[in-house]
Amino acid sequence: MVYAAVKSDKIDTDVLTKAREACYKVRDAFYACLENESDKKPTEIASVGLLYPLECKQCRNEYVKQCRSSWVKHFDRQYCQNKRVQTLLDDKGSTRGV
């Protein structure tokens, strides 16, 4: 009697961990580029309305290539939200007592 090979539903967590770490590494490199090049005019459009300078395009391409698209959108939203909050906090401090 011949039996077909049974597919395992086991997920190799080591592979997932390495992929996640690779994603985080290129994500952090992209956002570091945004901060380092913040004086440059943003000309490129990312997801969720995020704008970035041409100097960060290579980092962005690696980021999009290494990470799931749902993660990229999530991290972009999170970055934009954090920047808005930081701007509000910075502005509130400068207008206090006026």
N, C-alpha and C. Protein backbone atom coordinates (compact mmCIF):
# COMPACT_ATOMS: atom_id res chain seq x y z
N MET A 1 0.84 -1.17 0.00
CA MET A 1 0.00 0.00 0.00
C MET A 1 0.89 1.25 0.00
N VAL A 2 0.58 2.23 -0.85
CA VAL A 2 1.37 3.45 -0.95
C VAL A 2 0.59 4.61 -0.33
N TYR A 3 1.28 5.32 0.53
CA TYR A 3 0.65 6.46 1.18
C TYR A 3 1.26 7.75 0.64
N ALA A 4 0.41 8.73 0.41
CA ALA A 4 0.91 10.04 -0.04
C ALA A 4 1.58 10.73 1.14
N ALA A 5 2.57 11.49 0.83
CA ALA A 5 3.25 12.25 1.89
C ALA A 5 2.26 13.23 2.52
N VAL A 6 2.28 13.28 3.81
CA VAL A 6 1.38 14.17 4.53
C VAL A 6 2.06 15.52 4.71
N LYS A 7 1.37 16.56 4.28
CA LYS A 7 1.92 17.91 4.46
C LYS A 7 1.80 18.31 5.91
N SER A 8 2.84 18.89 6.39
CA SER A 8 2.84 19.34 7.77
C SER A 8 2.31 20.77 7.83
N ASP A 9 1.45 21.03 8.78
CA ASP A 9 0.94 22.38 8.99
C ASP A 9 1.83 23.15 9.96
N LYS A 10 2.94 22.56 10.34
CA LYS A 10 3.86 23.19 11.28
C LYS A 10 4.51 24.41 10.62
N ILE A 11 4.52 25.51 11.30
CA ILE A 11 5.13 26.73 10.81
C ILE A 11 6.53 26.82 11.40
N ASP A 12 7.49 27.06 10.54
CA ASP A 12 8.87 27.17 11.00
C ASP A 12 9.07 28.56 11.60
N THR A 13 9.01 28.65 12.91
CA THR A 13 9.08 29.94 13.58
C THR A 13 10.43 30.61 13.40
N ASP A 14 11.48 29.84 13.19
CA ASP A 14 12.80 30.42 12.97
C ASP A 14 12.82 31.25 11.68
N VAL A 15 12.17 30.74 10.64
CA VAL A 15 12.10 31.47 9.37
C VAL A 15 11.29 32.76 9.56
N LEU A 16 10.19 32.67 10.27
CA LEU A 16 9.36 33.86 10.51
C LEU A 16 10.11 34.90 11.32
N THR A 17 10.85 34.45 12.32
CA THR A 17 11.63 35.37 13.15
C THR A 17 12.68 36.10 12.33
N LYS A 18 13.38 35.36 11.49
CA LYS A 18 14.42 35.98 10.65
C LYS A 18 13.82 36.97 9.66
N ALA A 19 12.66 36.64 9.09
CA ALA A 19 11.99 37.55 8.15
C ALA A 19 11.55 38.82 8.87
N ARG A 20 11.02 38.67 10.07
CA ARG A 20 10.57 39.82 10.85
C ARG A 20 11.76 40.71 11.22
N GLU A 21 12.86 40.10 11.64
CA GLU A 21 14.04 40.87 12.00
C GLU A 21 14.62 41.61 10.79
N ALA A 22 14.60 40.96 9.61
CA ALA A 22 15.08 41.61 8.39
C ALA A 22 14.18 42.80 8.04
N CYS A 23 12.88 42.63 8.22
CA CYS A 23 11.94 43.71 7.96
C CYS A 23 12.21 44.88 8.90
N TYR A 24 12.35 44.59 10.18
CA TYR A 24 12.60 45.66 11.16
C TYR A 24 13.88 46.42 10.85
N LYS A 25 14.90 45.70 10.39
CA LYS A 25 16.18 46.33 10.09
C LYS A 25 16.05 47.34 8.94
N VAL A 26 15.38 46.94 7.84
CA VAL A 26 15.24 47.88 6.72
C VAL A 26 14.22 48.98 7.04
N ARG A 27 13.23 48.66 7.86
CA ARG A 27 12.27 49.69 8.30
C ARG A 27 13.00 50.78 9.08
N ASP A 28 13.81 50.35 10.04
CA ASP A 28 14.55 51.31 10.86
C ASP A 28 15.52 52.14 10.02
N ALA A 29 16.13 51.51 9.01
CA ALA A 29 17.04 52.24 8.12
C ALA A 29 16.28 53.30 7.32
N PHE A 30 15.08 52.97 6.86
CA PHE A 30 14.27 53.93 6.10
C PHE A 30 13.86 55.12 6.98
N TYR A 31 13.36 54.84 8.18
CA TYR A 31 12.92 55.94 9.04
C TYR A 31 14.11 56.76 9.55
N ALA A 32 15.26 56.13 9.72
CA ALA A 32 16.47 56.88 10.07
C ALA A 32 16.85 57.82 8.93
N CYS A 33 16.71 57.34 7.70
CA CYS A 33 16.98 58.19 6.53
C CYS A 33 16.02 59.39 6.52
N LEU A 34 14.75 59.15 6.82
CA LEU A 34 13.78 60.25 6.87
C LEU A 34 14.21 61.32 7.87
N GLU A 35 14.66 60.87 9.03
CA GLU A 35 15.09 61.81 10.06
C GLU A 35 16.37 62.54 9.65
N ASN A 36 17.31 61.79 9.08
CA ASN A 36 18.60 62.39 8.66
C ASN A 36 18.45 63.36 7.49
N GLU A 37 17.48 63.10 6.64
CA GLU A 37 17.28 63.93 5.44
C GLU A 37 16.07 64.85 5.59
N SER A 38 15.68 65.14 6.82
CA SER A 38 14.47 65.93 7.06
C SER A 38 14.56 67.35 6.52
N ASP A 39 15.77 67.83 6.26
CA ASP A 39 15.92 69.17 5.70
C ASP A 39 15.70 69.20 4.19
N LYS A 40 15.65 68.02 3.56
CA LYS A 40 15.44 67.92 2.11
C LYS A 40 13.95 67.97 1.80
N LYS A 41 13.62 68.47 0.61
CA LYS A 41 12.22 68.55 0.20
C LYS A 41 11.70 67.15 -0.13
N PRO A 42 10.59 66.73 0.50
CA PRO A 42 10.03 65.42 0.17
C PRO A 42 9.35 65.45 -1.20
N THR A 43 9.78 64.58 -2.09
CA THR A 43 9.23 64.55 -3.45
C THR A 43 8.61 63.21 -3.80
N GLU A 44 8.83 62.20 -2.98
CA GLU A 44 8.33 60.86 -3.27
C GLU A 44 7.14 60.55 -2.36
N ILE A 45 6.20 59.79 -2.89
CA ILE A 45 4.98 59.47 -2.15
C ILE A 45 4.99 58.00 -1.74
N ALA A 46 4.76 57.75 -0.47
CA ALA A 46 4.67 56.38 0.05
C ALA A 46 3.20 56.08 0.36
N SER A 47 2.96 55.04 1.09
CA SER A 47 1.59 54.70 1.47
C SER A 47 1.08 55.70 2.51
N VAL A 48 -0.20 55.74 2.68
CA VAL A 48 -0.93 56.57 3.64
C VAL A 48 -0.51 58.05 3.61
N GLY A 49 -0.07 58.53 2.45
CA GLY A 49 0.25 59.95 2.31
C GLY A 49 1.61 60.36 2.84
N LEU A 50 2.43 59.42 3.24
CA LEU A 50 3.76 59.73 3.73
C LEU A 50 4.62 60.22 2.57
N LEU A 51 5.27 61.36 2.76
CA LEU A 51 6.18 61.90 1.76
C LEU A 51 7.60 61.73 2.24
N TYR A 52 8.51 61.49 1.30
CA TYR A 52 9.91 61.33 1.68
C TYR A 52 10.81 61.86 0.57
N PRO A 53 12.04 62.25 0.93
CA PRO A 53 12.96 62.81 -0.07
C PRO A 53 13.54 61.72 -0.98
N LEU A 54 13.95 62.14 -2.15
CA LEU A 54 14.53 61.24 -3.14
C LEU A 54 15.73 60.47 -2.57
N GLU A 55 16.47 61.10 -1.67
CA GLU A 55 17.65 60.47 -1.07
C GLU A 55 17.31 59.18 -0.31
N CYS A 56 16.06 59.01 0.07
CA CYS A 56 15.65 57.83 0.83
C CYS A 56 14.96 56.77 -0.04
N LYS A 57 14.95 56.99 -1.34
CA LYS A 57 14.23 56.08 -2.24
C LYS A 57 14.78 54.66 -2.20
N GLN A 58 16.10 54.50 -2.18
CA GLN A 58 16.69 53.17 -2.14
C GLN A 58 16.31 52.45 -0.85
N CYS A 59 16.36 53.17 0.27
CA CYS A 59 15.96 52.58 1.56
C CYS A 59 14.49 52.17 1.51
N ARG A 60 13.67 53.01 0.91
CA ARG A 60 12.24 52.72 0.80
C ARG A 60 11.99 51.47 -0.03
N ASN A 61 12.71 51.35 -1.14
CA ASN A 61 12.53 50.18 -2.00
C ASN A 61 12.90 48.89 -1.27
N GLU A 62 13.97 48.91 -0.50
CA GLU A 62 14.37 47.75 0.29
C GLU A 62 13.32 47.43 1.36
N TYR A 63 12.81 48.46 1.98
CA TYR A 63 11.79 48.33 3.02
C TYR A 63 10.54 47.66 2.44
N VAL A 64 10.08 48.15 1.30
CA VAL A 64 8.88 47.60 0.67
C VAL A 64 9.13 46.16 0.20
N LYS A 65 10.35 45.88 -0.24
CA LYS A 65 10.69 44.54 -0.73
C LYS A 65 10.77 43.52 0.41
N GLN A 66 11.31 43.92 1.56
CA GLN A 66 11.55 43.01 2.67
C GLN A 66 10.34 42.78 3.57
N CYS A 67 9.41 43.73 3.59
CA CYS A 67 8.29 43.65 4.55
C CYS A 67 6.97 43.41 3.83
N ARG A 68 6.07 42.77 4.53
CA ARG A 68 4.71 42.58 4.01
C ARG A 68 4.07 43.95 3.80
N SER A 69 3.25 44.06 2.77
CA SER A 69 2.63 45.36 2.47
C SER A 69 1.75 45.85 3.62
N SER A 70 1.08 44.94 4.31
CA SER A 70 0.24 45.35 5.44
C SER A 70 1.10 45.91 6.57
N TRP A 71 2.31 45.38 6.73
CA TRP A 71 3.22 45.89 7.76
C TRP A 71 3.72 47.28 7.37
N VAL A 72 4.05 47.45 6.09
CA VAL A 72 4.55 48.75 5.61
C VAL A 72 3.50 49.82 5.87
N LYS A 73 2.25 49.53 5.52
CA LYS A 73 1.17 50.51 5.76
C LYS A 73 1.01 50.79 7.25
N HIS A 74 1.07 49.74 8.06
CA HIS A 74 0.94 49.90 9.51
C HIS A 74 2.06 50.79 10.06
N PHE A 75 3.31 50.49 9.68
CA PHE A 75 4.44 51.26 10.19
C PHE A 75 4.41 52.70 9.67
N ASP A 76 3.97 52.89 8.42
CA ASP A 76 3.86 54.24 7.88
C ASP A 76 2.82 55.05 8.65
N ARG A 77 1.67 54.43 8.92
CA ARG A 77 0.62 55.11 9.70
C ARG A 77 1.15 55.47 11.09
N GLN A 78 1.83 54.51 11.71
CA GLN A 78 2.37 54.72 13.04
C GLN A 78 3.39 55.87 13.04
N TYR A 79 4.25 55.91 12.05
CA TYR A 79 5.25 56.97 11.94
C TYR A 79 4.58 58.33 11.77
N CYS A 80 3.59 58.40 10.87
CA CYS A 80 2.88 59.67 10.64
C CYS A 80 2.15 60.12 11.90
N GLN A 81 1.51 59.20 12.59
CA GLN A 81 0.81 59.54 13.83
C GLN A 81 1.78 60.07 14.88
N ASN A 82 2.91 59.39 15.03
CA ASN A 82 3.90 59.84 16.01
C ASN A 82 4.45 61.22 15.66
N LYS A 83 4.65 61.49 14.37
CA LYS A 83 5.14 62.82 13.94
C LYS A 83 4.09 63.89 14.23
N ARG A 84 2.80 63.57 13.98
CA ARG A 84 1.73 64.54 14.27
C ARG A 84 1.67 64.85 15.76
N VAL A 85 1.75 63.82 16.58
CA VAL A 85 1.71 64.02 18.03
C VAL A 85 2.91 64.85 18.48
N GLN A 86 4.09 64.54 17.95
CA GLN A 86 5.29 65.28 18.32
C GLN A 86 5.17 66.74 17.92
N THR A 87 4.61 66.99 16.73
CA THR A 87 4.41 68.37 16.26
C THR A 87 3.44 69.11 17.17
N LEU A 88 2.36 68.43 17.55
CA LEU A 88 1.40 69.07 18.46
C LEU A 88 2.03 69.38 19.80
N LEU A 89 2.81 68.45 20.32
CA LEU A 89 3.47 68.68 21.61
C LEU A 89 4.47 69.82 21.50
N ASP A 90 5.22 69.86 20.42
CA ASP A 90 6.20 70.93 20.22
C ASP A 90 5.50 72.28 20.08
N ASP A 91 4.40 72.33 19.32
CA ASP A 91 3.67 73.59 19.12
C ASP A 91 3.00 74.05 20.39
N LYS A 92 2.46 73.13 21.16
CA LYS A 92 1.76 73.50 22.39
C LYS A 92 2.73 74.15 23.38
N GLY A 93 3.92 73.62 23.45
CA GLY A 93 4.91 74.19 24.35
C GLY A 93 5.33 75.60 23.97
N SER A 94 5.32 75.92 22.69
CA SER A 94 5.76 77.24 22.25
C SER A 94 4.68 78.29 22.39
N THR A 95 3.40 77.90 22.48
CA THR A 95 2.30 78.86 22.58
C THR A 95 1.76 78.98 24.00
N ARG A 96 2.33 78.25 24.91
CA ARG A 96 1.83 78.29 26.30
C ARG A 96 2.00 79.70 26.87
N GLY A 97 0.96 80.18 27.50
CA GLY A 97 0.99 81.48 28.15
C GLY A 97 0.77 82.65 27.20
N VAL A 98 0.42 82.36 25.95
CA VAL A 98 0.21 83.43 24.99
C VAL A 98 -1.23 83.84 25.00
